[in-house]
């Protein structure tokens, strides 16, 4: 629960958040390039980034956990 995964295999071209950061619904978290297209993984809800499990340039498999969100304390 709270894990956001790669939609398909590809390369991480941007990590837009860091652990501890509060995010809003729809905020871009990670951008993965696959098949010459960029796919943005966005926050489905407000929360706090618990973990960022990828870095720029990293190759990921489809279904790999990219970011873990937790409920914010607010």
N, C-alpha and C. Protein backbone atom coordinates (compact mmCIF):
# COMPACT_ATOMS: atom_id res chain seq x y z
N UNK A 1 0.85 -1.20 0.00
CA UNK A 1 0.00 0.00 0.00
C UNK A 1 0.88 1.24 0.00
N UNK A 2 0.52 2.22 -0.79
CA UNK A 2 1.28 3.46 -0.86
C UNK A 2 2.41 3.44 -1.86
N UNK A 3 2.65 2.29 -2.49
CA UNK A 3 3.74 2.20 -3.46
C UNK A 3 3.27 2.62 -4.85
N UNK A 4 4.09 3.42 -5.50
CA UNK A 4 3.82 3.80 -6.89
C UNK A 4 4.84 3.09 -7.75
N UNK A 5 4.35 2.43 -8.81
CA UNK A 5 5.20 1.55 -9.59
C UNK A 5 5.39 2.05 -11.02
N UNK A 6 6.43 1.54 -11.66
CA UNK A 6 6.72 1.87 -13.05
C UNK A 6 5.63 1.26 -13.94
N UNK A 7 5.09 2.04 -14.86
CA UNK A 7 4.02 1.53 -15.73
C UNK A 7 4.52 0.52 -16.74
N UNK A 8 5.83 0.55 -17.04
CA UNK A 8 6.45 -0.36 -18.00
C UNK A 8 7.95 -0.25 -17.84
N UNK A 9 8.71 -1.18 -18.42
CA UNK A 9 10.17 -1.07 -18.33
C UNK A 9 10.66 0.19 -19.02
N UNK A 10 11.67 0.81 -18.45
CA UNK A 10 12.22 2.02 -19.05
C UNK A 10 13.35 2.59 -18.24
N UNK A 11 13.68 3.84 -18.55
CA UNK A 11 14.77 4.55 -17.90
C UNK A 11 14.22 5.75 -17.14
N UNK A 12 14.66 5.93 -15.91
CA UNK A 12 14.22 7.08 -15.11
C UNK A 12 14.93 8.33 -15.65
N UNK A 13 14.14 9.28 -16.14
CA UNK A 13 14.73 10.51 -16.68
C UNK A 13 14.59 11.69 -15.73
N UNK A 14 13.73 11.54 -14.71
CA UNK A 14 13.59 12.63 -13.74
C UNK A 14 12.98 12.11 -12.44
N UNK A 15 13.57 12.51 -11.33
CA UNK A 15 13.00 12.26 -10.01
C UNK A 15 12.69 13.64 -9.45
N UNK A 16 11.40 13.92 -9.25
CA UNK A 16 10.98 15.27 -8.89
C UNK A 16 10.74 15.47 -7.40
N UNK A 17 10.94 14.43 -6.60
CA UNK A 17 10.68 14.54 -5.16
C UNK A 17 11.81 13.88 -4.38
N UNK A 18 11.80 14.11 -3.08
CA UNK A 18 12.76 13.45 -2.20
C UNK A 18 12.03 13.00 -0.95
N UNK A 19 12.62 12.07 -0.23
CA UNK A 19 12.01 11.54 0.99
C UNK A 19 11.72 12.67 1.97
N UNK A 20 10.54 12.59 2.59
CA UNK A 20 10.12 13.60 3.55
C UNK A 20 9.31 14.74 2.97
N UNK A 21 9.26 14.82 1.66
CA UNK A 21 8.55 15.91 0.98
C UNK A 21 7.05 15.65 0.97
N UNK A 22 6.26 16.68 1.24
CA UNK A 22 4.80 16.59 1.12
C UNK A 22 4.42 16.80 -0.33
N UNK A 23 3.43 16.02 -0.81
CA UNK A 23 2.98 16.13 -2.20
C UNK A 23 1.47 16.28 -2.25
N UNK A 24 1.01 16.85 -3.34
CA UNK A 24 -0.42 17.05 -3.59
C UNK A 24 -0.90 16.08 -4.65
N UNK A 25 -2.19 15.80 -4.71
CA UNK A 25 -2.70 14.91 -5.75
C UNK A 25 -2.34 15.43 -7.15
N UNK A 26 -1.87 14.53 -7.99
CA UNK A 26 -1.51 14.89 -9.36
C UNK A 26 -0.11 15.44 -9.53
N UNK A 27 0.60 15.66 -8.44
CA UNK A 27 1.97 16.19 -8.53
C UNK A 27 2.90 15.15 -9.13
N UNK A 28 3.68 15.52 -10.16
CA UNK A 28 4.64 14.57 -10.75
C UNK A 28 5.69 14.15 -9.73
N UNK A 29 5.96 12.85 -9.69
CA UNK A 29 6.95 12.31 -8.76
C UNK A 29 8.18 11.80 -9.50
N UNK A 30 7.95 11.00 -10.54
CA UNK A 30 9.02 10.39 -11.32
C UNK A 30 8.59 10.36 -12.78
N UNK A 31 9.54 10.57 -13.69
CA UNK A 31 9.28 10.45 -15.13
C UNK A 31 10.14 9.30 -15.65
N UNK A 32 9.46 8.35 -16.33
CA UNK A 32 10.13 7.19 -16.91
C UNK A 32 10.00 7.28 -18.42
N UNK A 33 11.12 7.09 -19.13
CA UNK A 33 11.09 7.08 -20.59
C UNK A 33 11.06 5.63 -21.06
N UNK A 34 10.07 5.34 -21.90
CA UNK A 34 9.94 4.00 -22.47
C UNK A 34 9.42 4.14 -23.88
N UNK A 35 10.01 3.42 -24.80
CA UNK A 35 9.57 3.43 -26.19
C UNK A 35 9.53 4.86 -26.75
N UNK A 36 10.56 5.66 -26.39
CA UNK A 36 10.73 7.04 -26.85
C UNK A 36 9.60 7.97 -26.39
N UNK A 37 8.88 7.58 -25.35
CA UNK A 37 7.84 8.43 -24.77
C UNK A 37 8.10 8.58 -23.28
N UNK A 38 7.75 9.73 -22.74
CA UNK A 38 7.90 9.94 -21.31
C UNK A 38 6.58 9.67 -20.60
N UNK A 39 6.65 8.92 -19.52
CA UNK A 39 5.48 8.56 -18.73
C UNK A 39 5.68 9.13 -17.32
N UNK A 40 4.78 10.02 -16.92
CA UNK A 40 4.87 10.65 -15.61
C UNK A 40 4.10 9.83 -14.58
N UNK A 41 4.77 9.49 -13.49
CA UNK A 41 4.12 8.83 -12.37
C UNK A 41 3.80 9.94 -11.38
N UNK A 42 2.50 10.17 -11.14
CA UNK A 42 2.06 11.28 -10.30
C UNK A 42 1.44 10.76 -9.00
N UNK A 43 1.39 11.63 -8.01
CA UNK A 43 0.78 11.28 -6.72
C UNK A 43 -0.72 11.09 -6.90
N UNK A 44 -1.26 9.96 -6.46
CA UNK A 44 -2.70 9.73 -6.58
C UNK A 44 -3.50 10.47 -5.51
N UNK A 45 -2.79 10.89 -4.46
CA UNK A 45 -3.43 11.58 -3.34
C UNK A 45 -2.39 12.42 -2.61
N UNK A 46 -2.84 13.26 -1.72
CA UNK A 46 -1.90 14.02 -0.90
C UNK A 46 -1.22 13.07 0.07
N UNK A 47 0.02 13.38 0.40
CA UNK A 47 0.75 12.55 1.35
C UNK A 47 2.17 13.03 1.49
N UNK A 48 2.97 12.19 2.11
CA UNK A 48 4.39 12.50 2.31
C UNK A 48 5.20 11.36 1.68
N UNK A 49 6.27 11.73 1.01
CA UNK A 49 7.14 10.73 0.39
C UNK A 49 7.93 10.02 1.49
N UNK A 50 7.68 8.72 1.65
CA UNK A 50 8.38 7.92 2.66
C UNK A 50 9.72 7.44 2.11
N UNK A 51 9.72 7.02 0.83
CA UNK A 51 10.95 6.51 0.22
C UNK A 51 10.96 6.84 -1.27
N UNK A 52 12.13 7.13 -1.78
CA UNK A 52 12.36 7.22 -3.22
C UNK A 52 13.32 6.08 -3.53
N UNK A 53 12.88 5.12 -4.32
CA UNK A 53 13.68 3.90 -4.54
C UNK A 53 14.42 3.88 -5.87
N UNK A 54 14.39 4.99 -6.61
CA UNK A 54 15.09 5.05 -7.90
C UNK A 54 15.89 6.34 -8.00
N UNK A 55 16.79 6.36 -8.97
CA UNK A 55 17.60 7.54 -9.23
C UNK A 55 17.61 7.83 -10.73
N UNK A 56 17.93 9.06 -11.08
CA UNK A 56 18.02 9.46 -12.49
C UNK A 56 18.96 8.51 -13.23
N UNK A 57 18.54 8.08 -14.42
CA UNK A 57 19.35 7.22 -15.25
C UNK A 57 19.20 5.73 -14.99
N UNK A 58 18.54 5.38 -13.92
CA UNK A 58 18.36 3.97 -13.57
C UNK A 58 17.37 3.28 -14.51
N UNK A 59 17.67 2.05 -14.87
CA UNK A 59 16.75 1.23 -15.66
C UNK A 59 15.81 0.52 -14.68
N UNK A 60 14.50 0.54 -14.98
CA UNK A 60 13.52 -0.11 -14.12
C UNK A 60 12.68 -1.09 -14.93
N UNK A 61 12.18 -2.10 -14.26
CA UNK A 61 11.26 -3.05 -14.87
C UNK A 61 9.83 -2.57 -14.62
N UNK A 62 8.92 -3.00 -15.48
CA UNK A 62 7.51 -2.68 -15.24
C UNK A 62 7.08 -3.26 -13.91
N UNK A 63 6.38 -2.49 -13.12
CA UNK A 63 5.94 -2.93 -11.80
C UNK A 63 6.93 -2.69 -10.69
N UNK A 64 8.12 -2.18 -11.01
CA UNK A 64 9.11 -1.85 -9.97
C UNK A 64 8.60 -0.69 -9.12
N UNK A 65 8.82 -0.77 -7.83
CA UNK A 65 8.41 0.31 -6.93
C UNK A 65 9.36 1.48 -7.13
N UNK A 66 8.78 2.66 -7.43
CA UNK A 66 9.56 3.87 -7.64
C UNK A 66 9.58 4.75 -6.40
N UNK A 67 8.38 4.97 -5.84
CA UNK A 67 8.20 5.87 -4.69
C UNK A 67 7.19 5.25 -3.76
N UNK A 68 7.39 5.44 -2.45
CA UNK A 68 6.42 5.00 -1.46
C UNK A 68 5.86 6.25 -0.78
N UNK A 69 4.52 6.37 -0.80
CA UNK A 69 3.83 7.49 -0.15
C UNK A 69 3.21 7.02 1.15
N UNK A 70 3.18 7.91 2.13
CA UNK A 70 2.47 7.65 3.37
C UNK A 70 1.52 8.80 3.61
N UNK A 71 0.58 8.59 4.50
CA UNK A 71 -0.33 9.67 4.87
C UNK A 71 0.46 10.77 5.54
N UNK A 72 0.13 12.02 5.21
CA UNK A 72 0.84 13.12 5.86
C UNK A 72 0.28 13.31 7.27
N UNK A 73 1.08 13.94 8.13
CA UNK A 73 0.69 14.16 9.52
C UNK A 73 -0.27 15.32 9.71
N UNK A 74 -0.53 16.05 8.61
CA UNK A 74 -1.37 17.26 8.72
C UNK A 74 -2.80 16.92 9.05
